[in-house]
């Protein structure tokens, strides 16, 4: 899984992010390029067009949902999405909140950008990270600056061996 979430786990409001962090966008692009990205329909619809160099797997309950973009596959469950990537060494769950929640048990790593702020008006949240299941293995702090309105940290969590499927 890969996400950016505030200290209170806020992800967004009205299908939009609550912050603009250019360095986080660059990191997201670097990590996910060349790999399938799995997302809910609402997350997909926040993009003006599919992100380059990534196969998009869109999960929706709407059996009639279609897209005109070639690099997109539509599925109707997380299990279907995971089946499509089962032979690949790496794929990313990119949201939204509901998808993160159902995908967490199937995930083995979380790349989290922790935005050092809280957003009371958020309507979408990242699930709480259970430190009995996950171990923080990397942490890199970035202060607020002229391009970033908030300080943030890149956090990498790996599922504990005893919790892996």
N, C-alpha and C. Protein backbone atom coordinates (compact mmCIF):
# COMPACT_ATOMS: atom_id res chain seq x y z
N UNK A 1 0.86 -1.17 0.00
CA UNK A 1 0.00 0.00 0.00
C UNK A 1 0.90 1.23 0.00
N UNK A 2 0.42 2.28 -0.63
CA UNK A 2 1.13 3.56 -0.63
C UNK A 2 0.08 4.65 -0.43
N UNK A 3 0.39 5.57 0.51
CA UNK A 3 -0.58 6.61 0.85
C UNK A 3 0.13 7.81 1.46
N UNK A 4 -0.59 8.92 1.49
CA UNK A 4 -0.19 10.09 2.26
C UNK A 4 -1.36 10.37 3.20
N UNK A 5 -1.07 10.39 4.50
CA UNK A 5 -2.12 10.59 5.50
C UNK A 5 -1.61 11.52 6.59
N UNK A 6 -2.52 12.33 7.11
CA UNK A 6 -2.18 13.26 8.18
C UNK A 6 -2.02 12.51 9.50
N UNK A 7 -1.61 13.24 10.53
CA UNK A 7 -1.43 12.65 11.87
C UNK A 7 -2.71 11.99 12.36
N UNK A 8 -3.88 12.53 11.98
CA UNK A 8 -5.16 11.95 12.37
C UNK A 8 -5.69 10.97 11.32
N UNK A 9 -4.80 10.52 10.42
CA UNK A 9 -5.10 9.57 9.34
C UNK A 9 -5.98 10.14 8.24
N UNK A 10 -6.21 11.44 8.24
CA UNK A 10 -6.99 12.06 7.17
C UNK A 10 -6.27 11.85 5.83
N UNK A 11 -7.07 11.47 4.82
CA UNK A 11 -6.56 11.30 3.45
C UNK A 11 -7.05 12.41 2.53
N UNK A 12 -8.30 12.78 2.67
CA UNK A 12 -8.85 13.75 1.74
C UNK A 12 -10.24 14.19 2.11
N UNK A 13 -10.77 15.07 1.27
CA UNK A 13 -12.13 15.57 1.42
C UNK A 13 -12.69 15.83 0.03
N UNK A 14 -13.91 15.40 -0.19
CA UNK A 14 -14.59 15.61 -1.47
C UNK A 14 -13.75 15.10 -2.64
N UNK A 15 -13.16 13.91 -2.48
CA UNK A 15 -12.33 13.27 -3.52
C UNK A 15 -11.13 14.11 -3.93
N UNK A 16 -10.55 14.82 -2.99
CA UNK A 16 -9.35 15.61 -3.27
C UNK A 16 -8.42 15.53 -2.07
N UNK A 17 -7.13 15.71 -2.33
CA UNK A 17 -6.16 15.75 -1.25
C UNK A 17 -6.31 17.05 -0.47
N UNK A 18 -5.84 17.05 0.77
CA UNK A 18 -5.94 18.22 1.63
C UNK A 18 -4.66 19.04 1.65
N UNK A 19 -3.66 18.63 0.87
CA UNK A 19 -2.36 19.28 0.86
C UNK A 19 -1.74 19.12 -0.51
N UNK A 20 -0.69 19.88 -0.77
CA UNK A 20 0.07 19.77 -2.01
C UNK A 20 1.54 19.62 -1.62
N UNK A 21 2.08 18.42 -1.84
CA UNK A 21 3.46 18.12 -1.48
C UNK A 21 4.20 17.61 -2.72
N UNK A 22 4.83 18.51 -3.48
CA UNK A 22 5.48 18.11 -4.73
C UNK A 22 6.50 16.97 -4.56
N UNK A 23 7.27 16.98 -3.48
CA UNK A 23 8.26 15.91 -3.31
C UNK A 23 7.58 14.56 -3.08
N UNK A 24 6.43 14.57 -2.43
CA UNK A 24 5.69 13.32 -2.24
C UNK A 24 5.15 12.81 -3.58
N UNK A 25 4.68 13.70 -4.43
CA UNK A 25 4.23 13.29 -5.77
C UNK A 25 5.37 12.63 -6.54
N UNK A 26 6.57 13.22 -6.43
CA UNK A 26 7.73 12.66 -7.13
C UNK A 26 8.07 11.27 -6.58
N UNK A 27 8.00 11.10 -5.28
CA UNK A 27 8.27 9.80 -4.66
C UNK A 27 7.23 8.77 -5.10
N UNK A 28 5.97 9.17 -5.09
CA UNK A 28 4.89 8.28 -5.54
C UNK A 28 5.16 7.81 -6.97
N UNK A 29 5.52 8.75 -7.84
CA UNK A 29 5.80 8.42 -9.24
C UNK A 29 6.98 7.46 -9.33
N UNK A 30 8.06 7.77 -8.60
CA UNK A 30 9.26 6.92 -8.64
C UNK A 30 8.96 5.50 -8.17
N UNK A 31 8.22 5.38 -7.08
CA UNK A 31 7.94 4.04 -6.53
C UNK A 31 6.96 3.24 -7.38
N UNK A 32 5.93 3.90 -7.90
CA UNK A 32 4.87 3.15 -8.59
C UNK A 32 5.10 2.98 -10.08
N UNK A 33 5.95 3.76 -10.69
CA UNK A 33 6.18 3.64 -12.15
C UNK A 33 6.63 2.23 -12.50
N UNK A 34 6.00 1.70 -13.54
CA UNK A 34 6.34 0.37 -14.01
C UNK A 34 5.61 -0.75 -13.28
N UNK A 35 4.74 -0.39 -12.34
CA UNK A 35 4.02 -1.39 -11.55
C UNK A 35 2.52 -1.14 -11.63
N UNK A 36 1.71 -2.18 -11.54
CA UNK A 36 0.26 -1.97 -11.50
C UNK A 36 -0.14 -1.21 -10.23
N UNK A 37 -1.15 -0.36 -10.38
CA UNK A 37 -1.72 0.35 -9.23
C UNK A 37 -3.19 -0.02 -9.13
N UNK A 38 -3.59 -0.39 -7.94
CA UNK A 38 -4.95 -0.84 -7.66
C UNK A 38 -5.64 0.25 -6.86
N UNK A 39 -6.84 0.63 -7.31
CA UNK A 39 -7.55 1.73 -6.66
C UNK A 39 -9.05 1.56 -6.80
N UNK A 40 -9.77 2.29 -5.97
CA UNK A 40 -11.21 2.37 -6.11
C UNK A 40 -11.58 3.32 -7.24
N UNK A 41 -12.82 3.22 -7.69
CA UNK A 41 -13.31 4.05 -8.78
C UNK A 41 -13.20 5.54 -8.46
N UNK A 42 -13.56 5.94 -7.24
CA UNK A 42 -13.50 7.36 -6.89
C UNK A 42 -12.08 7.90 -6.98
N UNK A 43 -11.12 7.11 -6.53
CA UNK A 43 -9.71 7.53 -6.64
C UNK A 43 -9.33 7.69 -8.10
N UNK A 44 -9.69 6.70 -8.93
CA UNK A 44 -9.37 6.78 -10.36
C UNK A 44 -9.97 8.05 -10.97
N UNK A 45 -11.18 8.39 -10.60
CA UNK A 45 -11.85 9.54 -11.20
C UNK A 45 -11.28 10.88 -10.75
N UNK A 46 -10.36 10.88 -9.79
CA UNK A 46 -9.70 12.13 -9.42
C UNK A 46 -8.56 12.47 -10.39
N UNK A 47 -8.13 11.50 -11.20
CA UNK A 47 -7.07 11.74 -12.17
C UNK A 47 -7.66 12.30 -13.46
N UNK A 48 -7.02 13.32 -14.06
CA UNK A 48 -7.52 13.80 -15.35
C UNK A 48 -7.39 12.74 -16.45
N UNK A 49 -6.37 11.90 -16.32
CA UNK A 49 -6.15 10.78 -17.24
C UNK A 49 -5.29 9.77 -16.48
N UNK A 50 -5.19 8.54 -16.97
CA UNK A 50 -4.36 7.56 -16.26
C UNK A 50 -2.92 8.02 -16.13
N UNK A 51 -2.30 7.62 -15.04
CA UNK A 51 -0.90 7.97 -14.80
C UNK A 51 -0.02 7.17 -15.75
N UNK A 52 1.00 7.79 -16.32
CA UNK A 52 1.83 7.08 -17.30
C UNK A 52 2.64 5.94 -16.68
N UNK A 53 2.92 4.94 -17.51
CA UNK A 53 3.80 3.83 -17.18
C UNK A 53 3.30 2.99 -15.99
N UNK A 54 1.97 2.89 -15.86
CA UNK A 54 1.38 2.08 -14.81
C UNK A 54 0.06 1.51 -15.31
N UNK A 55 -0.13 0.22 -15.13
CA UNK A 55 -1.43 -0.37 -15.41
C UNK A 55 -2.35 0.00 -14.25
N UNK A 56 -3.55 0.48 -14.57
CA UNK A 56 -4.53 0.87 -13.56
C UNK A 56 -5.55 -0.25 -13.41
N UNK A 57 -5.75 -0.70 -12.19
CA UNK A 57 -6.78 -1.69 -11.90
C UNK A 57 -7.79 -0.99 -10.99
N UNK A 58 -8.99 -0.85 -11.52
CA UNK A 58 -10.03 -0.05 -10.86
C UNK A 58 -11.08 -0.99 -10.28
N UNK A 59 -11.31 -0.84 -8.98
CA UNK A 59 -12.32 -1.66 -8.30
C UNK A 59 -13.60 -0.85 -8.19
N UNK A 60 -14.71 -1.42 -8.65
CA UNK A 60 -16.01 -0.76 -8.55
C UNK A 60 -17.10 -1.81 -8.38
N UNK A 61 -18.14 -1.44 -7.66
CA UNK A 61 -19.32 -2.32 -7.53
C UNK A 61 -20.21 -2.21 -8.76
N UNK A 62 -20.05 -1.12 -9.52
CA UNK A 62 -20.89 -0.84 -10.69
C UNK A 62 -20.51 -1.77 -11.84
N UNK A 63 -21.37 -2.74 -12.10
CA UNK A 63 -21.10 -3.74 -13.16
C UNK A 63 -21.09 -3.11 -14.56
N UNK A 64 -21.66 -1.92 -14.70
CA UNK A 64 -21.71 -1.26 -16.01
C UNK A 64 -20.61 -0.22 -16.19
N UNK A 65 -19.74 -0.06 -15.21
CA UNK A 65 -18.70 0.97 -15.29
C UNK A 65 -17.72 0.67 -16.42
N UNK A 66 -17.39 1.69 -17.20
CA UNK A 66 -16.44 1.56 -18.32
C UNK A 66 -15.52 2.77 -18.34
N UNK A 67 -14.37 2.59 -18.97
CA UNK A 67 -13.46 3.71 -19.23
C UNK A 67 -12.91 3.53 -20.64
N UNK A 68 -12.59 4.64 -21.27
CA UNK A 68 -12.05 4.59 -22.64
C UNK A 68 -10.54 4.44 -22.67
N UNK A 69 -9.91 4.45 -21.51
CA UNK A 69 -8.45 4.39 -21.45
C UNK A 69 -7.95 2.95 -21.55
N UNK A 70 -6.89 2.73 -22.33
CA UNK A 70 -6.37 1.39 -22.60
C UNK A 70 -5.64 0.75 -21.42
N UNK A 71 -4.93 1.55 -20.62
CA UNK A 71 -4.13 0.98 -19.53
C UNK A 71 -4.93 0.75 -18.27
N UNK A 72 -6.23 0.52 -18.41
CA UNK A 72 -7.11 0.35 -17.26
C UNK A 72 -7.87 -0.96 -17.36
N UNK A 73 -7.93 -1.66 -16.23
CA UNK A 73 -8.76 -2.86 -16.13
C UNK A 73 -9.78 -2.60 -15.03
N UNK A 74 -10.99 -3.02 -15.25
CA UNK A 74 -12.05 -2.82 -14.27
C UNK A 74 -12.39 -4.17 -13.66
N UNK A 75 -12.42 -4.20 -12.33
CA UNK A 75 -12.78 -5.41 -11.58
C UNK A 75 -13.84 -5.02 -10.55
N UNK A 76 -14.45 -6.04 -9.95
CA UNK A 76 -15.55 -5.77 -9.04
C UNK A 76 -15.29 -6.23 -7.61
N UNK A 77 -14.02 -6.56 -7.32
CA UNK A 77 -13.65 -6.91 -5.95
C UNK A 77 -12.14 -6.80 -5.80
N UNK A 78 -11.71 -6.67 -4.56
CA UNK A 78 -10.27 -6.65 -4.29
C UNK A 78 -9.66 -7.99 -4.69
N UNK A 79 -10.36 -9.07 -4.44
CA UNK A 79 -9.84 -10.40 -4.80
C UNK A 79 -9.56 -10.50 -6.29
N UNK A 80 -10.46 -9.96 -7.12
CA UNK A 80 -10.23 -9.96 -8.57
C UNK A 80 -8.98 -9.16 -8.92
N UNK A 81 -8.82 -8.02 -8.27
CA UNK A 81 -7.65 -7.16 -8.53
C UNK A 81 -6.37 -7.90 -8.14
N UNK A 82 -6.37 -8.52 -6.98
CA UNK A 82 -5.18 -9.25 -6.52
C UNK A 82 -4.87 -10.45 -7.41
N UNK A 83 -5.91 -11.06 -7.94
CA UNK A 83 -5.71 -12.18 -8.86
C UNK A 83 -4.95 -11.73 -10.12
N UNK A 84 -5.25 -10.52 -10.60
CA UNK A 84 -4.58 -10.00 -11.80
C UNK A 84 -3.09 -9.77 -11.59
N UNK A 85 -2.67 -9.51 -10.35
CA UNK A 85 -1.26 -9.18 -10.08
C UNK A 85 -0.53 -10.30 -9.34
N UNK A 86 -1.16 -11.44 -9.18
CA UNK A 86 -0.61 -12.51 -8.34
C UNK A 86 0.76 -13.00 -8.78
N UNK A 87 1.08 -12.94 -10.06
CA UNK A 87 2.37 -13.42 -10.56
C UNK A 87 3.45 -12.34 -10.60
N UNK A 88 3.07 -11.12 -10.30
CA UNK A 88 4.01 -9.99 -10.40
C UNK A 88 4.74 -9.77 -9.08
N UNK A 89 6.00 -9.32 -9.15
CA UNK A 89 6.76 -9.13 -7.92
C UNK A 89 6.28 -7.94 -7.08
N UNK A 90 5.62 -6.94 -7.71
CA UNK A 90 5.25 -5.74 -6.98
C UNK A 90 4.04 -5.08 -7.63
N UNK A 91 3.10 -4.68 -6.80
CA UNK A 91 1.96 -3.86 -7.21
C UNK A 91 1.62 -2.98 -6.01
N UNK A 92 0.87 -1.92 -6.26
CA UNK A 92 0.55 -0.97 -5.20
C UNK A 92 -0.95 -0.76 -5.08
N UNK A 93 -1.43 -0.74 -3.85
CA UNK A 93 -2.79 -0.30 -3.53
C UNK A 93 -2.66 1.19 -3.28
N UNK A 94 -3.42 2.02 -4.03
CA UNK A 94 -3.24 3.47 -3.89
C UNK A 94 -4.49 4.18 -3.34
N UNK A 95 -5.49 3.45 -2.91
CA UNK A 95 -6.63 4.10 -2.27
C UNK A 95 -7.94 3.85 -2.96
N UNK A 96 -8.94 4.45 -2.46
CA UNK A 96 -9.05 5.34 -1.33
C UNK A 96 -9.24 4.60 -0.01
N UNK A 97 -9.85 5.35 0.92
CA UNK A 97 -9.96 4.89 2.30
C UNK A 97 -10.57 3.51 2.44
N UNK A 98 -11.66 3.25 1.76
CA UNK A 98 -12.33 1.95 1.85
C UNK A 98 -11.44 0.83 1.29
N UNK A 99 -10.76 1.12 0.19
CA UNK A 99 -9.88 0.12 -0.42
C UNK A 99 -8.70 -0.17 0.50
N UNK A 100 -8.10 0.86 1.10
CA UNK A 100 -7.01 0.62 2.04
C UNK A 100 -7.46 -0.31 3.17
N UNK A 101 -8.65 -0.05 3.68
CA UNK A 101 -9.15 -0.82 4.82
C UNK A 101 -9.30 -2.31 4.47
N UNK A 102 -9.87 -2.60 3.30
CA UNK A 102 -10.06 -4.01 2.95
C UNK A 102 -8.77 -4.66 2.44
N UNK A 103 -7.82 -3.84 1.96
CA UNK A 103 -6.57 -4.39 1.41
C UNK A 103 -5.49 -4.61 2.46
N UNK A 104 -5.59 -3.95 3.59
CA UNK A 104 -4.53 -4.03 4.60
C UNK A 104 -4.17 -5.47 4.99
N UNK A 105 -5.14 -6.36 5.22
CA UNK A 105 -4.76 -7.73 5.58
C UNK A 105 -3.97 -8.47 4.49
N UNK A 106 -4.10 -8.06 3.25
CA UNK A 106 -3.43 -8.72 2.12
C UNK A 106 -2.07 -8.08 1.80
N UNK A 107 -1.78 -6.97 2.43
CA UNK A 107 -0.58 -6.20 2.12
C UNK A 107 0.60 -6.67 2.95
N UNK A 108 1.81 -6.46 2.41
CA UNK A 108 3.01 -6.83 3.16
C UNK A 108 3.91 -5.63 3.46
N UNK A 109 3.54 -4.46 2.89
CA UNK A 109 4.36 -3.26 3.10
C UNK A 109 3.46 -2.04 2.97
N UNK A 110 3.76 -1.03 3.78
CA UNK A 110 3.05 0.25 3.68
C UNK A 110 4.10 1.34 3.49
N UNK A 111 3.98 2.06 2.38
CA UNK A 111 4.80 3.26 2.15
C UNK A 111 3.89 4.44 2.48
N UNK A 112 4.11 5.04 3.63
CA UNK A 112 3.23 6.09 4.11
C UNK A 112 3.96 7.42 4.20
N UNK A 113 3.38 8.44 3.60
CA UNK A 113 3.85 9.79 3.83
C UNK A 113 2.97 10.35 4.94
N UNK A 114 3.57 10.59 6.10
CA UNK A 114 2.81 11.11 7.25
C UNK A 114 2.92 12.63 7.22
N UNK A 115 1.80 13.28 6.95
CA UNK A 115 1.74 14.74 6.91
C UNK A 115 1.56 15.21 8.35
N UNK A 116 2.46 16.07 8.81
CA UNK A 116 2.46 16.49 10.21
C UNK A 116 1.48 17.64 10.44
N UNK A 117 0.19 17.27 10.38
CA UNK A 117 -0.92 18.19 10.60
C UNK A 117 -2.15 17.33 10.85
N UNK A 118 -3.24 17.96 11.27
CA UNK A 118 -4.52 17.27 11.44
C UNK A 118 -5.58 18.04 10.66
N UNK A 119 -6.55 17.33 10.15
CA UNK A 119 -7.59 17.93 9.29
C UNK A 119 -8.96 17.44 9.76
N UNK A 120 -9.60 18.25 10.59
CA UNK A 120 -10.90 17.87 11.16
C UNK A 120 -11.99 17.67 10.12
N UNK A 121 -11.87 18.36 8.99
CA UNK A 121 -12.95 18.31 8.00
C UNK A 121 -12.78 17.19 6.96
N UNK A 122 -11.78 16.32 7.13
CA UNK A 122 -11.57 15.23 6.17
C UNK A 122 -12.77 14.28 6.18
N UNK A 123 -13.06 13.71 5.01
CA UNK A 123 -14.14 12.72 4.95
C UNK A 123 -13.64 11.32 4.57
N UNK A 124 -12.33 11.20 4.37
CA UNK A 124 -11.73 9.91 4.04
C UNK A 124 -10.47 9.74 4.90
N UNK A 125 -10.30 8.54 5.45
CA UNK A 125 -9.20 8.29 6.37
C UNK A 125 -8.47 6.99 6.04
N UNK A 126 -7.19 6.98 6.35
CA UNK A 126 -6.36 5.78 6.25
C UNK A 126 -6.61 4.95 7.51
N UNK A 127 -6.59 3.62 7.41
CA UNK A 127 -6.80 2.81 8.61
C UNK A 127 -5.67 3.00 9.62
N UNK A 128 -5.98 2.83 10.87
CA UNK A 128 -4.99 2.90 11.94
C UNK A 128 -3.96 1.79 11.72
N UNK A 129 -2.68 2.11 11.85
CA UNK A 129 -1.63 1.10 11.69
C UNK A 129 -1.42 0.40 13.04
N UNK A 130 -1.67 -0.88 13.06
CA UNK A 130 -1.53 -1.69 14.27
C UNK A 130 -0.07 -2.10 14.42
N UNK A 131 0.60 -1.55 15.43
CA UNK A 131 2.03 -1.83 15.61
C UNK A 131 2.29 -3.24 16.14
N UNK A 132 1.23 -3.99 16.43
CA UNK A 132 1.38 -5.41 16.74
C UNK A 132 1.53 -6.22 15.44
N UNK A 133 1.11 -5.62 14.33
CA UNK A 133 1.17 -6.27 13.02
C UNK A 133 2.28 -5.71 12.15
N UNK A 134 2.57 -4.42 12.29
CA UNK A 134 3.50 -3.72 11.41
C UNK A 134 4.71 -3.21 12.18
N UNK A 135 5.87 -3.23 11.50
CA UNK A 135 7.12 -2.71 12.06
C UNK A 135 7.60 -1.55 11.19
N UNK A 136 7.91 -0.43 11.83
CA UNK A 136 8.49 0.71 11.12
C UNK A 136 9.95 0.39 10.82
N UNK A 137 10.31 0.36 9.52
CA UNK A 137 11.68 -0.01 9.14
C UNK A 137 12.49 1.15 8.59
N UNK A 138 11.80 2.20 8.12
CA UNK A 138 12.50 3.38 7.59
C UNK A 138 11.70 4.61 7.92
N UNK A 139 12.41 5.72 8.16
CA UNK A 139 11.76 6.99 8.44
C UNK A 139 12.65 8.11 7.94
N UNK A 140 12.06 9.04 7.20
CA UNK A 140 12.81 10.18 6.67
C UNK A 140 11.96 11.44 6.80
N UNK A 141 12.42 12.39 7.57
CA UNK A 141 11.69 13.62 7.86
C UNK A 141 11.99 14.71 6.82
N UNK A 142 10.94 15.44 6.42
CA UNK A 142 11.09 16.59 5.52
C UNK A 142 10.40 17.79 6.15
N UNK A 143 11.17 18.85 6.42
CA UNK A 143 10.54 20.02 7.05
C UNK A 143 9.67 20.79 6.05
N UNK A 144 8.81 21.62 6.61
CA UNK A 144 8.02 22.56 5.82
C UNK A 144 9.00 23.49 5.11
N UNK A 145 8.71 23.88 3.86
CA UNK A 145 9.57 24.81 3.14
C UNK A 145 8.73 25.60 2.15
N UNK A 146 9.39 26.33 1.26
CA UNK A 146 8.65 27.20 0.32
C UNK A 146 7.75 26.42 -0.64
N UNK A 147 8.05 25.14 -0.90
CA UNK A 147 7.23 24.33 -1.81
C UNK A 147 6.24 23.42 -1.06
N UNK A 148 6.41 23.30 0.25
CA UNK A 148 5.61 22.37 1.05
C UNK A 148 5.03 23.09 2.26
N UNK A 149 3.71 23.21 2.30
CA UNK A 149 3.04 23.94 3.39
C UNK A 149 3.07 23.19 4.71
N UNK A 150 3.38 21.90 4.64
CA UNK A 150 3.41 21.07 5.85
C UNK A 150 4.70 20.27 5.91
N UNK A 151 5.20 20.05 7.11
CA UNK A 151 6.29 19.09 7.29
C UNK A 151 5.69 17.70 7.12
N UNK A 152 6.53 16.75 6.71
CA UNK A 152 6.05 15.38 6.51
C UNK A 152 7.20 14.41 6.67
N UNK A 153 6.85 13.15 6.86
CA UNK A 153 7.86 12.09 6.97
C UNK A 153 7.47 10.94 6.08
N UNK A 154 8.46 10.36 5.41
CA UNK A 154 8.25 9.11 4.69
C UNK A 154 8.46 7.98 5.69
N UNK A 155 7.47 7.13 5.83
CA UNK A 155 7.54 6.00 6.76
C UNK A 155 7.33 4.71 5.98
N UNK A 156 8.18 3.73 6.20
CA UNK A 156 8.01 2.42 5.58
C UNK A 156 7.73 1.42 6.70
N UNK A 157 6.60 0.75 6.57
CA UNK A 157 6.21 -0.30 7.51
C UNK A 157 6.23 -1.64 6.78
N UNK A 158 6.70 -2.67 7.46
CA UNK A 158 6.72 -4.03 6.92
C UNK A 158 5.93 -4.90 7.88
N UNK A 159 5.13 -5.80 7.31
CA UNK A 159 4.34 -6.70 8.13
C UNK A 159 5.25 -7.65 8.88
N UNK A 160 4.97 -7.84 10.16
CA UNK A 160 5.76 -8.77 10.97
C UNK A 160 5.65 -10.17 10.39
N UNK A 161 6.72 -10.92 10.48
CA UNK A 161 6.78 -12.28 9.92
C UNK A 161 5.62 -13.13 10.41
N UNK A 162 5.28 -13.04 11.68
CA UNK A 162 4.23 -13.87 12.25
C UNK A 162 2.84 -13.51 11.73
N UNK A 163 2.70 -12.32 11.11
CA UNK A 163 1.40 -11.86 10.62
C UNK A 163 1.20 -12.06 9.12
N UNK A 164 2.24 -12.49 8.43
CA UNK A 164 2.13 -12.65 6.97
C UNK A 164 1.24 -13.81 6.61
N UNK A 165 0.50 -13.62 5.50
CA UNK A 165 -0.41 -14.67 5.02
C UNK A 165 0.35 -15.87 4.51
